[in-house]
Amino acid sequence: MEERRQFLDDNGYFIRKINQAFFAFHGSYATGAASVSPIGDRLQDLRDGSETLEEFIKTVGRFERVKDLVDYLGVELKRP
């Protein structure tokens, strides 16, 4: 996180302290090569197949486990 803060600072954006919420809000949390999410692509598939954000949220809200997502989509997760 310090590297990203320094990068932003070097480009004219001073931020005293950055936490994971900053990256999550700005869409760059867990998207780098060092971060691997076995469900990220599957959630994107589900979002892409949803007509509205509301539909996506309601669908995801019914899942209690990762297996529920996998079963719903009828796919397998890619493991790193």
N, C-alpha and C. Protein backbone atom coordinates (compact mmCIF):
# COMPACT_ATOMS: atom_id res chain seq x y z
N MET A 1 0.83 -1.19 0.00
CA MET A 1 0.00 0.00 0.00
C MET A 1 0.87 1.25 0.00
N GLU A 2 1.99 1.18 0.67
CA GLU A 2 2.88 2.34 0.71
C GLU A 2 3.40 2.65 -0.69
N GLU A 3 3.66 1.63 -1.48
CA GLU A 3 4.12 1.87 -2.85
C GLU A 3 3.06 2.63 -3.66
N ARG A 4 1.81 2.24 -3.51
CA ARG A 4 0.73 2.93 -4.23
C ARG A 4 0.57 4.36 -3.73
N ARG A 5 0.69 4.55 -2.40
CA ARG A 5 0.59 5.89 -1.84
C ARG A 5 1.71 6.77 -2.40
N GLN A 6 2.91 6.21 -2.48
CA GLN A 6 4.05 6.96 -3.01
C GLN A 6 3.84 7.29 -4.48
N PHE A 7 3.31 6.33 -5.24
CA PHE A 7 3.03 6.57 -6.65
C PHE A 7 2.04 7.73 -6.81
N LEU A 8 0.98 7.71 -6.02
CA LEU A 8 0.00 8.80 -6.08
C LEU A 8 0.64 10.12 -5.68
N ASP A 9 1.45 10.10 -4.64
CA ASP A 9 2.13 11.31 -4.18
C ASP A 9 3.05 11.86 -5.28
N ASP A 10 3.79 10.98 -5.93
CA ASP A 10 4.69 11.39 -7.01
C ASP A 10 3.94 12.00 -8.18
N ASN A 11 2.66 11.68 -8.30
CA ASN A 11 1.86 12.20 -9.40
C ASN A 11 0.90 13.31 -8.96
N GLY A 12 1.21 13.91 -7.80
CA GLY A 12 0.48 15.10 -7.38
C GLY A 12 -0.75 14.86 -6.52
N TYR A 13 -0.94 13.64 -6.03
CA TYR A 13 -2.08 13.33 -5.19
C TYR A 13 -1.59 12.93 -3.80
N PHE A 14 -1.56 13.89 -2.89
CA PHE A 14 -1.07 13.60 -1.55
C PHE A 14 -2.17 12.98 -0.70
N ILE A 15 -1.89 11.81 -0.21
CA ILE A 15 -2.79 11.11 0.71
C ILE A 15 -1.93 10.67 1.88
N ARG A 16 -2.29 11.12 3.07
CA ARG A 16 -1.46 10.84 4.24
C ARG A 16 -1.37 9.35 4.52
N LYS A 17 -2.49 8.67 4.45
CA LYS A 17 -2.52 7.25 4.77
C LYS A 17 -3.56 6.56 3.90
N ILE A 18 -3.20 5.43 3.36
CA ILE A 18 -4.13 4.67 2.52
C ILE A 18 -4.39 3.34 3.21
N ASN A 19 -5.63 2.90 3.18
CA ASN A 19 -5.94 1.57 3.68
C ASN A 19 -6.65 0.78 2.60
N GLN A 20 -7.01 -0.44 2.90
CA GLN A 20 -7.63 -1.31 1.90
C GLN A 20 -8.97 -0.77 1.42
N ALA A 21 -9.67 -0.03 2.26
CA ALA A 21 -10.95 0.53 1.84
C ALA A 21 -10.77 1.50 0.67
N PHE A 22 -9.66 2.24 0.67
CA PHE A 22 -9.38 3.16 -0.43
C PHE A 22 -9.32 2.38 -1.75
N PHE A 23 -8.56 1.29 -1.76
CA PHE A 23 -8.42 0.51 -2.99
C PHE A 23 -9.73 -0.18 -3.38
N ALA A 24 -10.46 -0.65 -2.40
CA ALA A 24 -11.75 -1.28 -2.69
C ALA A 24 -12.69 -0.27 -3.33
N PHE A 25 -12.74 0.94 -2.77
CA PHE A 25 -13.62 1.98 -3.29
C PHE A 25 -13.23 2.38 -4.70
N HIS A 26 -11.93 2.42 -4.97
CA HIS A 26 -11.45 2.86 -6.28
C HIS A 26 -11.24 1.71 -7.25
N GLY A 27 -11.69 0.52 -6.88
CA GLY A 27 -11.70 -0.60 -7.81
C GLY A 27 -10.36 -1.24 -8.11
N SER A 28 -9.38 -1.04 -7.25
CA SER A 28 -8.08 -1.65 -7.52
C SER A 28 -7.64 -2.58 -6.42
N TYR A 29 -8.53 -2.95 -5.54
CA TYR A 29 -8.18 -3.87 -4.46
C TYR A 29 -8.25 -5.30 -4.97
N ALA A 30 -7.19 -6.03 -4.73
CA ALA A 30 -7.11 -7.45 -5.10
C ALA A 30 -7.24 -7.66 -6.60
N THR A 31 -6.74 -6.72 -7.39
CA THR A 31 -6.77 -6.90 -8.84
C THR A 31 -5.38 -7.06 -9.43
N GLY A 32 -4.36 -6.93 -8.61
CA GLY A 32 -2.99 -7.07 -9.10
C GLY A 32 -2.56 -8.52 -9.16
N ALA A 33 -1.39 -8.75 -9.76
CA ALA A 33 -0.86 -10.10 -9.90
C ALA A 33 -0.57 -10.76 -8.56
N ALA A 34 -0.29 -9.97 -7.55
CA ALA A 34 0.00 -10.51 -6.22
C ALA A 34 -1.26 -10.97 -5.50
N SER A 35 -2.40 -10.55 -5.97
CA SER A 35 -3.67 -10.91 -5.34
C SER A 35 -4.44 -11.86 -6.26
N VAL A 36 -4.83 -12.96 -5.70
CA VAL A 36 -5.56 -13.95 -6.50
C VAL A 36 -6.90 -14.21 -5.83
N SER A 37 -7.96 -14.03 -6.58
CA SER A 37 -9.29 -14.32 -6.07
C SER A 37 -9.92 -15.38 -6.95
N PRO A 38 -10.22 -16.54 -6.39
CA PRO A 38 -10.83 -17.57 -7.22
C PRO A 38 -12.27 -17.25 -7.62
N ILE A 39 -12.89 -16.26 -6.98
CA ILE A 39 -14.28 -15.95 -7.33
C ILE A 39 -14.45 -14.63 -8.08
N GLY A 40 -13.40 -13.86 -8.19
CA GLY A 40 -13.50 -12.55 -8.84
C GLY A 40 -14.07 -12.62 -10.25
N ASP A 41 -13.51 -13.51 -11.06
CA ASP A 41 -13.99 -13.64 -12.44
C ASP A 41 -15.43 -14.16 -12.48
N ARG A 42 -15.75 -15.07 -11.57
CA ARG A 42 -17.11 -15.62 -11.54
C ARG A 42 -18.12 -14.57 -11.14
N LEU A 43 -17.77 -13.72 -10.16
CA LEU A 43 -18.67 -12.62 -9.80
C LEU A 43 -18.85 -11.66 -10.96
N GLN A 44 -17.77 -11.40 -11.70
CA GLN A 44 -17.88 -10.52 -12.87
C GLN A 44 -18.78 -11.15 -13.92
N ASP A 45 -18.67 -12.47 -14.10
CA ASP A 45 -19.56 -13.17 -15.04
C ASP A 45 -21.02 -12.99 -14.63
N LEU A 46 -21.27 -13.14 -13.33
CA LEU A 46 -22.63 -12.98 -12.82
C LEU A 46 -23.12 -11.55 -13.04
N ARG A 47 -22.27 -10.58 -12.75
CA ARG A 47 -22.66 -9.17 -12.94
C ARG A 47 -22.93 -8.88 -14.41
N ASP A 48 -22.06 -9.40 -15.29
CA ASP A 48 -22.24 -9.18 -16.72
C ASP A 48 -23.55 -9.79 -17.22
N GLY A 49 -23.98 -10.89 -16.60
CA GLY A 49 -25.21 -11.55 -17.01
C GLY A 49 -26.46 -11.01 -16.33
N SER A 50 -26.29 -10.07 -15.44
CA SER A 50 -27.44 -9.48 -14.74
C SER A 50 -27.92 -8.25 -15.50
N GLU A 51 -29.23 -8.12 -15.62
CA GLU A 51 -29.76 -6.96 -16.35
C GLU A 51 -29.56 -5.66 -15.60
N THR A 52 -29.62 -5.73 -14.26
CA THR A 52 -29.46 -4.52 -13.46
C THR A 52 -28.56 -4.82 -12.27
N LEU A 53 -28.05 -3.77 -11.66
CA LEU A 53 -27.27 -3.92 -10.44
C LEU A 53 -28.14 -4.51 -9.34
N GLU A 54 -29.39 -4.10 -9.29
CA GLU A 54 -30.31 -4.63 -8.28
C GLU A 54 -30.45 -6.15 -8.41
N GLU A 55 -30.61 -6.62 -9.62
CA GLU A 55 -30.72 -8.06 -9.86
C GLU A 55 -29.47 -8.78 -9.38
N PHE A 56 -28.31 -8.22 -9.70
CA PHE A 56 -27.03 -8.81 -9.28
C PHE A 56 -26.94 -8.89 -7.75
N ILE A 57 -27.25 -7.79 -7.08
CA ILE A 57 -27.15 -7.73 -5.62
C ILE A 57 -28.12 -8.73 -4.98
N LYS A 58 -29.32 -8.80 -5.49
CA LYS A 58 -30.30 -9.74 -4.93
C LYS A 58 -29.86 -11.19 -5.14
N THR A 59 -29.28 -11.47 -6.28
CA THR A 59 -28.81 -12.83 -6.55
C THR A 59 -27.65 -13.19 -5.62
N VAL A 60 -26.66 -12.32 -5.53
CA VAL A 60 -25.51 -12.57 -4.66
C VAL A 60 -25.95 -12.67 -3.20
N GLY A 61 -26.94 -11.91 -2.83
CA GLY A 61 -27.43 -11.91 -1.46
C GLY A 61 -28.01 -13.25 -1.02
N ARG A 62 -28.38 -14.08 -1.97
CA ARG A 62 -28.93 -15.40 -1.63
C ARG A 62 -27.83 -16.43 -1.36
N PHE A 63 -26.61 -16.14 -1.78
CA PHE A 63 -25.51 -17.09 -1.61
C PHE A 63 -24.99 -17.04 -0.18
N GLU A 64 -24.77 -18.23 0.37
CA GLU A 64 -24.19 -18.33 1.71
C GLU A 64 -22.76 -18.84 1.66
N ARG A 65 -22.41 -19.51 0.58
CA ARG A 65 -21.08 -20.09 0.42
C ARG A 65 -20.62 -19.88 -1.01
N VAL A 66 -19.32 -20.00 -1.22
CA VAL A 66 -18.77 -19.92 -2.58
C VAL A 66 -19.40 -20.99 -3.45
N LYS A 67 -19.65 -22.15 -2.87
CA LYS A 67 -20.27 -23.24 -3.63
C LYS A 67 -21.63 -22.83 -4.21
N ASP A 68 -22.35 -21.98 -3.51
CA ASP A 68 -23.63 -21.50 -4.03
C ASP A 68 -23.44 -20.73 -5.33
N LEU A 69 -22.41 -19.91 -5.39
CA LEU A 69 -22.09 -19.15 -6.61
C LEU A 69 -21.71 -20.12 -7.73
N VAL A 70 -20.84 -21.06 -7.42
CA VAL A 70 -20.39 -22.04 -8.41
C VAL A 70 -21.58 -22.85 -8.94
N ASP A 71 -22.42 -23.31 -8.03
CA ASP A 71 -23.59 -24.08 -8.46
C ASP A 71 -24.54 -23.24 -9.31
N TYR A 72 -24.75 -22.00 -8.92
CA TYR A 72 -25.64 -21.11 -9.67
C TYR A 72 -25.14 -20.92 -11.11
N LEU A 73 -23.83 -20.70 -11.24
CA LEU A 73 -23.27 -20.46 -12.57
C LEU A 73 -23.02 -21.75 -13.35
N GLY A 74 -22.93 -22.86 -12.64
CA GLY A 74 -22.66 -24.12 -13.31
C GLY A 74 -21.24 -24.20 -13.84
N VAL A 75 -20.31 -23.56 -13.13
CA VAL A 75 -18.89 -23.57 -13.54
C VAL A 75 -18.03 -24.00 -12.36
N GLU A 76 -16.76 -24.22 -12.64
CA GLU A 76 -15.80 -24.53 -11.60
C GLU A 76 -14.88 -23.34 -11.40
N LEU A 77 -14.34 -23.22 -10.21
CA LEU A 77 -13.41 -22.14 -9.92
C LEU A 77 -12.02 -22.52 -10.39
N LYS A 78 -11.29 -21.53 -10.90
CA LYS A 78 -9.89 -21.74 -11.26
C LYS A 78 -9.06 -21.52 -10.00
N ARG A 79 -8.29 -22.48 -9.65
CA ARG A 79 -7.43 -22.37 -8.47
C ARG A 79 -6.04 -21.93 -8.90
N PRO A 80 -5.42 -21.05 -8.10
CA PRO A 80 -4.07 -20.59 -8.46
C PRO A 80 -3.06 -21.72 -8.37
